[in-house]
């Protein structure tokens, strides 16, 4: 895993490099900056797992149940794949035509009462509460601040939706795009290597204010990386 900081030279080269996606799957990359806290800083704090779930999750139906939810004083985290959530307010990239499993709703709503927009707002999906694990018991709810780490990138997001009780590892179209992961709900995502860090007792309000999520996420990530 590459962990060194980006330089202007590398950033310039990245802008000039051609995409590696097949022609049919090309996307416009999101503008991205890692911020003051690197992926390496965060991953160093989640090497060891103290499980807080009563069992383990699957990444997909039929996959082995081998993913625990781990906890620290300030956060919970898990390491999984990334499936693409395109649910919520429909748009040109997330709708019943682009996603065969599209649902025009999310567990948590915008301040105006409408569902979240998966293609515009970086958010993650947490498993619905069950005897396996209940996220609400750990100070987590709609709008909780999240740092999602993939390779050398960090994307700040919020908790925005819930999914099946026994499956973990899903995030919105916008989250995937910001991490350089193919966001297509039909065949996109990442098969492994994604770390989700959810900070306890935090909330972005209104939930759709991504700039606020980034500001608060960077502050919390710095504190987390520094050990308290």
C-alpha atoms as a PDB file:
ATOM      1  CA  UNK A   1       0.000   0.000   0.000  1.00  0.00           C
ATOM      2  CA  UNK A   2       1.408   3.390  -0.981  1.00  0.00           C
ATOM      3  CA  UNK A   3       1.302   5.780   1.972  1.00  0.00           C
ATOM      4  CA  UNK A   4       3.630   8.640   1.182  1.00  0.00           C
ATOM      5  CA  UNK A   5       2.199  12.159   1.001  1.00  0.00           C
ATOM      6  CA  UNK A   6       1.229  13.606  -2.334  1.00  0.00           C
ATOM      7  CA  UNK A   7       3.487  16.221  -3.847  1.00  0.00           C
ATOM      8  CA  UNK A   8       2.696  18.835  -6.438  1.00  0.00           C
ATOM      9  CA  UNK A   9       4.604  16.835  -9.001  1.00  0.00           C
ATOM     10  CA  UNK A  10       2.672  13.674  -8.331  1.00  0.00           C
ATOM     11  CA  UNK A  11      -0.606  15.557  -8.265  1.00  0.00           C
ATOM     12  CA  UNK A  12       0.204  17.137 -11.633  1.00  0.00           C
ATOM     13  CA  UNK A  13       1.108  13.767 -13.091  1.00  0.00           C
ATOM     14  CA  UNK A  14      -2.140  12.301 -11.836  1.00  0.00           C
ATOM     15  CA  UNK A  15      -4.093  15.020 -13.592  1.00  0.00           C
ATOM     16  CA  UNK A  16      -2.316  14.295 -16.869  1.00  0.00           C
ATOM     17  CA  UNK A  17      -2.476  10.500 -16.660  1.00  0.00           C
ATOM     18  CA  UNK A  18      -5.199   8.761 -18.699  1.00  0.00           C
ATOM     19  CA  UNK A  19      -7.909   6.892 -16.882  1.00  0.00           C
ATOM     20  CA  UNK A  20      -7.473   3.147 -16.474  1.00  0.00           C
ATOM     21  CA  UNK A  21     -11.196   2.402 -16.642  1.00  0.00           C
ATOM     22  CA  UNK A  22     -12.547   0.673 -19.741  1.00  0.00           C
ATOM     23  CA  UNK A  23     -14.119   3.104 -22.182  1.00  0.00           C
ATOM     24  CA  UNK A  24     -17.637   2.022 -21.275  1.00  0.00           C
ATOM     25  CA  UNK A  25     -17.042   2.625 -17.580  1.00  0.00           C
ATOM     26  CA  UNK A  26     -15.120   5.912 -17.533  1.00  0.00           C
ATOM     27  CA  UNK A  27     -16.081   8.478 -14.934  1.00  0.00           C
ATOM     28  CA  UNK A  28     -14.991  12.004 -14.222  1.00  0.00           C
ATOM     29  CA  UNK A  29     -12.750  11.798 -11.130  1.00  0.00           C
ATOM     30  CA  UNK A  30     -13.790  13.851  -8.130  1.00  0.00           C
ATOM     31  CA  UNK A  31     -11.579  16.681  -6.944  1.00  0.00           C
ATOM     32  CA  UNK A  32      -9.763  15.172  -3.973  1.00  0.00           C
ATOM     33  CA  UNK A  33      -7.289  16.180  -1.334  1.00  0.00           C
ATOM     34  CA  UNK A  34      -6.279  14.032   1.554  1.00  0.00           C
ATOM     35  CA  UNK A  35      -6.126  16.803   4.129  1.00  0.00           C
ATOM     36  CA  UNK A  36      -3.877  17.050   7.151  1.00  0.00           C
ATOM     37  CA  UNK A  37      -4.399  13.439   8.241  1.00  0.00           C
ATOM     38  CA  UNK A  38      -3.085  10.762   5.901  1.00  0.00           C
ATOM     39  CA  UNK A  39      -4.491   7.338   5.217  1.00  0.00           C
ATOM     40  CA  UNK A  40      -1.371   5.887   6.845  1.00  0.00           C
ATOM     41  CA  UNK A  41      -2.003   7.922  10.018  1.00  0.00           C
ATOM     42  CA  UNK A  42      -5.506   6.488  10.348  1.00  0.00           C
ATOM     43  CA  UNK A  43      -4.673   2.923   9.349  1.00  0.00           C
ATOM     44  CA  UNK A  44      -1.941   2.830  11.986  1.00  0.00           C
ATOM     45  CA  UNK A  45      -4.634   3.314  14.643  1.00  0.00           C
ATOM     46  CA  UNK A  46      -6.850   0.448  13.445  1.00  0.00           C
ATOM     47  CA  UNK A  47      -4.324  -2.363  13.108  1.00  0.00           C
ATOM     48  CA  UNK A  48      -5.686  -4.191  16.133  1.00  0.00           C
ATOM     49  CA  UNK A  49      -9.316  -5.141  16.626  1.00  0.00           C
ATOM     50  CA  UNK A  50     -11.172  -5.231  19.924  1.00  0.00           C
ATOM     51  CA  UNK A  51     -14.535  -6.612  18.714  1.00  0.00           C
ATOM     52  CA  UNK A  52     -17.707  -4.843  19.807  1.00  0.00           C
ATOM     53  CA  UNK A  53     -20.060  -6.886  17.619  1.00  0.00           C
ATOM     54  CA  UNK A  54     -21.377 -10.153  19.051  1.00  0.00           C
ATOM     55  CA  UNK A  55     -20.431 -11.985  15.877  1.00  0.00           C
ATOM     56  CA  UNK A  56     -19.159 -11.332  12.381  1.00  0.00           C
ATOM     57  CA  UNK A  57     -20.661  -9.938   9.206  1.00  0.00           C
ATOM     58  CA  UNK A  58     -20.599 -11.044   5.592  1.00  0.00           C
ATOM     59  CA  UNK A  59     -19.446  -8.759   2.794  1.00  0.00           C
ATOM     60  CA  UNK A  60     -22.147 -10.127   0.477  1.00  0.00           C
ATOM     61  CA  UNK A  61     -24.817 -12.819   0.461  1.00  0.00           C
ATOM     62  CA  UNK A  62     -23.077 -16.184   0.455  1.00  0.00           C
ATOM     63  CA  UNK A  63     -19.694 -14.802   1.528  1.00  0.00           C
ATOM     64  CA  UNK A  64     -18.015 -16.046   4.727  1.00  0.00           C
ATOM     65  CA  UNK A  65     -19.037 -14.292   7.937  1.00  0.00           C
ATOM     66  CA  UNK A  66     -15.583 -13.019   8.864  1.00  0.00           C
ATOM     67  CA  UNK A  67     -15.863  -9.247   9.397  1.00  0.00           C
ATOM     68  CA  UNK A  68     -16.059  -7.999  13.007  1.00  0.00           C
ATOM     69  CA  UNK A  69     -16.981  -4.492  14.069  1.00  0.00           C
ATOM     70  CA  UNK A  70     -14.117  -3.247  16.212  1.00  0.00           C
ATOM     71  CA  UNK A  71     -14.083  -0.493  18.804  1.00  0.00           C
ATOM     72  CA  UNK A  72     -11.902   2.064  20.491  1.00  0.00           C
ATOM     73  CA  UNK A  73     -12.751   4.721  23.034  1.00  0.00           C
ATOM     74  CA  UNK A  74     -13.633   7.240  20.323  1.00  0.00           C
ATOM     75  CA  UNK A  75     -14.697   5.208  17.281  1.00  0.00           C
ATOM     76  CA  UNK A  76     -15.873   1.936  15.816  1.00  0.00           C
ATOM     77  CA  UNK A  77     -14.391   0.539  12.628  1.00  0.00           C
ATOM     78  CA  UNK A  78     -14.503  -2.351  10.199  1.00  0.00           C
ATOM     79  CA  UNK A  79     -12.507  -3.480   7.193  1.00  0.00           C
ATOM     80  CA  UNK A  80     -14.547  -4.747   4.284  1.00  0.00           C
ATOM     81  CA  UNK A  81     -15.408  -4.347   0.627  1.00  0.00           C
ATOM     82  CA  UNK A  82     -17.427  -1.485  -0.828  1.00  0.00           C
ATOM     83  CA  UNK A  83     -20.743  -2.091  -2.502  1.00  0.00           C
ATOM     84  CA  UNK A  84     -22.355   0.951  -4.118  1.00  0.00           C
ATOM     85  CA  UNK A  85     -25.505   2.435  -2.584  1.00  0.00           C
ATOM     86  CA  UNK A  86     -27.443   4.457  -5.162  1.00  0.00           C
ATOM     87  CA  UNK A  87     -30.651   4.765  -3.129  1.00  0.00           C
ATOM     88  CA  UNK A  88     -32.382   8.014  -2.223  1.00  0.00           C
ATOM     89  CA  UNK A  89     -33.308  11.016  -4.331  1.00  0.00           C
ATOM     90  CA  UNK A  90     -33.007   9.927  -7.970  1.00  0.00           C
ATOM     91  CA  UNK A  91     -30.582  11.630 -10.313  1.00  0.00           C
ATOM     92  CA  UNK A  92     -28.927  10.962 -13.663  1.00  0.00           C
ATOM     93  CA  UNK A  93     -26.559   8.332 -12.199  1.00  0.00           C
ATOM     94  CA  UNK A  94     -28.715   6.860  -9.444  1.00  0.00           C
ATOM     95  CA  UNK A  95     -32.181   5.812 -10.507  1.00  0.00           C
ATOM     96  CA  UNK A  96     -34.242   2.731 -11.321  1.00  0.00           C
ATOM     97  CA  UNK A  97     -32.663   2.586 -14.770  1.00  0.00           C
ATOM     98  CA  UNK A  98     -29.041   2.559 -13.577  1.00  0.00           C
ATOM     99  CA  UNK A  99     -29.566   0.439 -10.461  1.00  0.00           C
ATOM    100  CA  UNK A 100     -31.767  -2.690 -10.617  1.00  0.00           C
ATOM    101  CA  UNK A 101     -32.160  -2.551  -6.813  1.00  0.00           C
ATOM    102  CA  UNK A 102     -32.839   1.187  -6.589  1.00  0.00           C
ATOM    103  CA  UNK A 103     -35.015   2.418  -3.720  1.00  0.00           C
ATOM    104  CA  UNK A 104     -36.118   6.059  -3.593  1.00  0.00           C
ATOM    105  CA  UNK A 105     -35.525   6.318   0.144  1.00  0.00           C
ATOM    106  CA  UNK A 106     -32.763   6.372   2.750  1.00  0.00           C
ATOM    107  CA  UNK A 107     -32.911   5.617   6.466  1.00  0.00           C
ATOM    108  CA  UNK A 108     -32.050   9.237   7.243  1.00  0.00           C
ATOM    109  CA  UNK A 109     -33.396  12.298   5.436  1.00  0.00           C
ATOM    110  CA  UNK A 110     -32.150  15.745   4.508  1.00  0.00           C
ATOM    111  CA  UNK A 111     -33.194  18.767   6.538  1.00  0.00           C
ATOM    112  CA  UNK A 112     -36.054  19.365   4.055  1.00  0.00           C
ATOM    113  CA  UNK A 113     -37.408  15.863   4.628  1.00  0.00           C
ATOM    114  CA  UNK A 114     -36.321  14.455   1.273  1.00  0.00           C
ATOM    115  CA  UNK A 115     -34.141  11.331   1.001  1.00  0.00           C
ATOM    116  CA  UNK A 116     -30.392  11.804   0.736  1.00  0.00           C
ATOM    117  CA  UNK A 117     -28.764  11.927  -2.687  1.00  0.00           C
ATOM    118  CA  UNK A 118     -26.298   9.052  -3.052  1.00  0.00           C
ATOM    119  CA  UNK A 119     -24.713  10.572  -6.127  1.00  0.00           C
ATOM    120  CA  UNK A 120     -24.059  13.948  -4.470  1.00  0.00           C
ATOM    121  CA  UNK A 121     -23.480  13.188  -0.774  1.00  0.00           C
ATOM    122  CA  UNK A 122     -20.709  10.974   0.588  1.00  0.00           C
ATOM    123  CA  UNK A 123     -22.353   8.677   3.127  1.00  0.00           C
ATOM    124  CA  UNK A 124     -21.998   5.106   4.332  1.00  0.00           C
ATOM    125  CA  UNK A 125     -24.462   2.340   5.081  1.00  0.00           C
ATOM    126  CA  UNK A 126     -24.484   0.618   8.477  1.00  0.00           C
ATOM    127  CA  UNK A 127     -26.178  -2.734   9.133  1.00  0.00           C
ATOM    128  CA  UNK A 128     -29.677  -2.455  10.561  1.00  0.00           C
ATOM    129  CA  UNK A 129     -29.718  -3.083  14.335  1.00  0.00           C
ATOM    130  CA  UNK A 130     -29.793  -6.748  15.318  1.00  0.00           C
ATOM    131  CA  UNK A 131     -28.570  -9.124  18.011  1.00  0.00           C
ATOM    132  CA  UNK A 132     -25.278  -9.160  16.103  1.00  0.00           C
ATOM    133  CA  UNK A 133     -24.633  -5.452  16.618  1.00  0.00           C
ATOM    134  CA  UNK A 134     -26.630  -2.277  17.235  1.00  0.00           C
ATOM    135  CA  UNK A 135     -24.795   0.845  16.114  1.00  0.00           C
ATOM    136  CA  UNK A 136     -27.056   3.017  18.283  1.00  0.00           C
ATOM    137  CA  UNK A 137     -25.516   1.540  21.423  1.00  0.00           C
ATOM    138  CA  UNK A 138     -22.204   3.163  20.477  1.00  0.00           C
ATOM    139  CA  UNK A 139     -23.330   6.758  20.053  1.00  0.00           C
ATOM    140  CA  UNK A 140     -23.830   6.383  16.303  1.00  0.00           C
ATOM    141  CA  UNK A 141     -26.789   7.560  14.240  1.00  0.00           C
ATOM    142  CA  UNK A 142     -27.758   9.501  11.149  1.00  0.00           C
ATOM    143  CA  UNK A 143     -25.165  12.196  10.480  1.00  0.00           C
ATOM    144  CA  UNK A 144     -22.371  10.566  12.494  1.00  0.00           C
ATOM    145  CA  UNK A 145     -18.988  11.525  11.047  1.00  0.00           C
ATOM    146  CA  UNK A 146     -17.021   8.864   9.167  1.00  0.00           C
ATOM    147  CA  UNK A 147     -13.534   8.594   7.695  1.00  0.00           C
ATOM    148  CA  UNK A 148     -13.437   6.082   4.840  1.00  0.00           C
ATOM    149  CA  UNK A 149      -9.940   4.953   3.854  1.00  0.00           C
ATOM    150  CA  UNK A 150      -8.974   3.235   0.613  1.00  0.00           C
ATOM    151  CA  UNK A 151      -5.366   2.853  -0.455  1.00  0.00           C
ATOM    152  CA  UNK A 152      -3.817   6.292   0.125  1.00  0.00           C
ATOM    153  CA  UNK A 153      -7.083   8.235   0.140  1.00  0.00           C
ATOM    154  CA  UNK A 154      -9.341   9.472   2.917  1.00  0.00           C
ATOM    155  CA  UNK A 155     -12.948  10.458   2.207  1.00  0.00           C
ATOM    156  CA  UNK A 156     -15.014  12.079   4.953  1.00  0.00           C
ATOM    157  CA  UNK A 157     -18.658  11.114   4.995  1.00  0.00           C
ATOM    158  CA  UNK A 158     -21.649  10.631   7.286  1.00  0.00           C
ATOM    159  CA  UNK A 159     -23.828   7.707   8.294  1.00  0.00           C
ATOM    160  CA  UNK A 160     -26.789   8.029   5.936  1.00  0.00           C
ATOM    161  CA  UNK A 161     -28.504   4.700   5.394  1.00  0.00           C
ATOM    162  CA  UNK A 162     -28.985   1.236   6.851  1.00  0.00           C
ATOM    163  CA  UNK A 163     -28.704  -2.110   5.124  1.00  0.00           C
ATOM    164  CA  UNK A 164     -29.243  -5.824   5.732  1.00  0.00           C
ATOM    165  CA  UNK A 165     -28.642  -7.046   9.270  1.00  0.00           C
ATOM    166  CA  UNK A 166     -25.955  -9.552   8.356  1.00  0.00           C
ATOM    167  CA  UNK A 167     -23.991  -7.673   5.679  1.00  0.00           C
ATOM    168  CA  UNK A 168     -21.471  -4.845   6.004  1.00  0.00           C
ATOM    169  CA  UNK A 169     -19.403  -2.754   3.568  1.00  0.00           C
ATOM    170  CA  UNK A 170     -21.461  -0.296   1.535  1.00  0.00           C
ATOM    171  CA  UNK A 171     -21.270   3.414   0.736  1.00  0.00           C
ATOM    172  CA  UNK A 172     -22.867   5.954  -1.563  1.00  0.00           C
ATOM    173  CA  UNK A 173     -21.972   6.632  -5.178  1.00  0.00           C
ATOM    174  CA  UNK A 174     -20.350   9.919  -4.104  1.00  0.00           C
ATOM    175  CA  UNK A 175     -18.165   8.195  -1.486  1.00  0.00           C
ATOM    176  CA  UNK A 176     -16.838   5.722  -4.016  1.00  0.00           C
ATOM    177  CA  UNK A 177     -16.194   8.425  -6.585  1.00  0.00           C
ATOM    178  CA  UNK A 178     -14.244  10.499  -4.088  1.00  0.00           C
ATOM    179  CA  UNK A 179     -12.008   7.506  -3.307  1.00  0.00           C
ATOM    180  CA  UNK A 180     -11.303   6.712  -6.953  1.00  0.00           C
ATOM    181  CA  UNK A 181     -13.458   3.575  -6.791  1.00  0.00           C
ATOM    182  CA  UNK A 182     -15.681   2.866  -9.787  1.00  0.00           C
ATOM    183  CA  UNK A 183     -19.088   4.054  -8.505  1.00  0.00           C
ATOM    184  CA  UNK A 184     -21.328   2.176 -10.941  1.00  0.00           C
ATOM    185  CA  UNK A 185     -24.057   0.475  -8.833  1.00  0.00           C
ATOM    186  CA  UNK A 186     -24.145  -2.337 -11.383  1.00  0.00           C
ATOM    187  CA  UNK A 187     -20.674  -3.895 -11.198  1.00  0.00           C
ATOM    188  CA  UNK A 188     -18.690  -1.121  -9.502  1.00  0.00           C
ATOM    189  CA  UNK A 189     -17.261  -0.943  -5.998  1.00  0.00           C
ATOM    190  CA  UNK A 190     -14.163  -2.492  -4.425  1.00  0.00           C
ATOM    191  CA  UNK A 191     -13.816  -6.178  -3.501  1.00  0.00           C
ATOM    192  CA  UNK A 192     -11.748  -5.483  -0.368  1.00  0.00           C
ATOM    193  CA  UNK A 193      -9.351  -3.049   1.266  1.00  0.00           C
ATOM    194  CA  UNK A 194     -11.811  -0.404   2.492  1.00  0.00           C
ATOM    195  CA  UNK A 195     -11.679   0.761   6.124  1.00  0.00           C
ATOM    196  CA  UNK A 196     -14.676   2.528   7.663  1.00  0.00           C
ATOM    197  CA  UNK A 197     -14.013   4.560  10.834  1.00  0.00           C
ATOM    198  CA  UNK A 198     -17.131   5.984  12.495  1.00  0.00           C
ATOM    199  CA  UNK A 199     -16.593   8.536  15.255  1.00  0.00           C
ATOM    200  CA  UNK A 200     -18.806   8.111  18.309  1.00  0.00           C
ATOM    201  CA  UNK A 201     -21.135  10.819  19.611  1.00  0.00           C
ATOM    202  CA  UNK A 202     -20.779  13.060  16.552  1.00  0.00           C
ATOM    203  CA  UNK A 203     -23.374  14.528  14.230  1.00  0.00           C
ATOM    204  CA  UNK A 204     -23.360  16.775  11.175  1.00  0.00           C
ATOM    205  CA  UNK A 205     -26.426  18.997  11.027  1.00  0.00           C
ATOM    206  CA  UNK A 206     -27.851  19.390   8.511  1.00  0.00           C
ATOM    207  CA  UNK A 207     -26.792  15.931   7.430  1.00  0.00           C
ATOM    208  CA  UNK A 208     -26.386  17.035   3.802  1.00  0.00           C
ATOM    209  CA  UNK A 209     -23.722  19.653   4.666  1.00  0.00           C
ATOM    210  CA  UNK A 210     -20.680  17.832   3.315  1.00  0.00           C
ATOM    211  CA  UNK A 211     -18.348  20.771   3.957  1.00  0.00           C
ATOM    212  CA  UNK A 212     -19.229  20.528   7.649  1.00  0.00           C
ATOM    213  CA  UNK A 213     -18.540  16.780   7.559  1.00  0.00           C
ATOM    214  CA  UNK A 214     -15.090  17.417   6.103  1.00  0.00           C
ATOM    215  CA  UNK A 215     -14.243  20.108   8.659  1.00  0.00           C
ATOM    216  CA  UNK A 216     -15.390  17.997  11.584  1.00  0.00           C
ATOM    217  CA  UNK A 217     -13.912  14.846  10.084  1.00  0.00           C
ATOM    218  CA  UNK A 218     -10.454  16.357   9.786  1.00  0.00           C
ATOM    219  CA  UNK A 219     -10.598  17.552  13.399  1.00  0.00           C
ATOM    220  CA  UNK A 220     -11.737  14.167  14.691  1.00  0.00           C
ATOM    221  CA  UNK A 221      -9.280  12.256  12.518  1.00  0.00           C
ATOM    222  CA  UNK A 222      -6.392  14.366  13.822  1.00  0.00           C
ATOM    223  CA  UNK A 223      -7.417  13.690  17.401  1.00  0.00           C
ATOM    224  CA  UNK A 224      -7.870   9.987  16.637  1.00  0.00           C
ATOM    225  CA  UNK A 225      -4.493   9.704  14.929  1.00  0.00           C
ATOM    226  CA  UNK A 226      -2.800  11.526  17.795  1.00  0.00           C
ATOM    227  CA  UNK A 227      -4.257   9.038  20.241  1.00  0.00           C
ATOM    228  CA  UNK A 228      -6.884  11.034  22.124  1.00  0.00           C
END
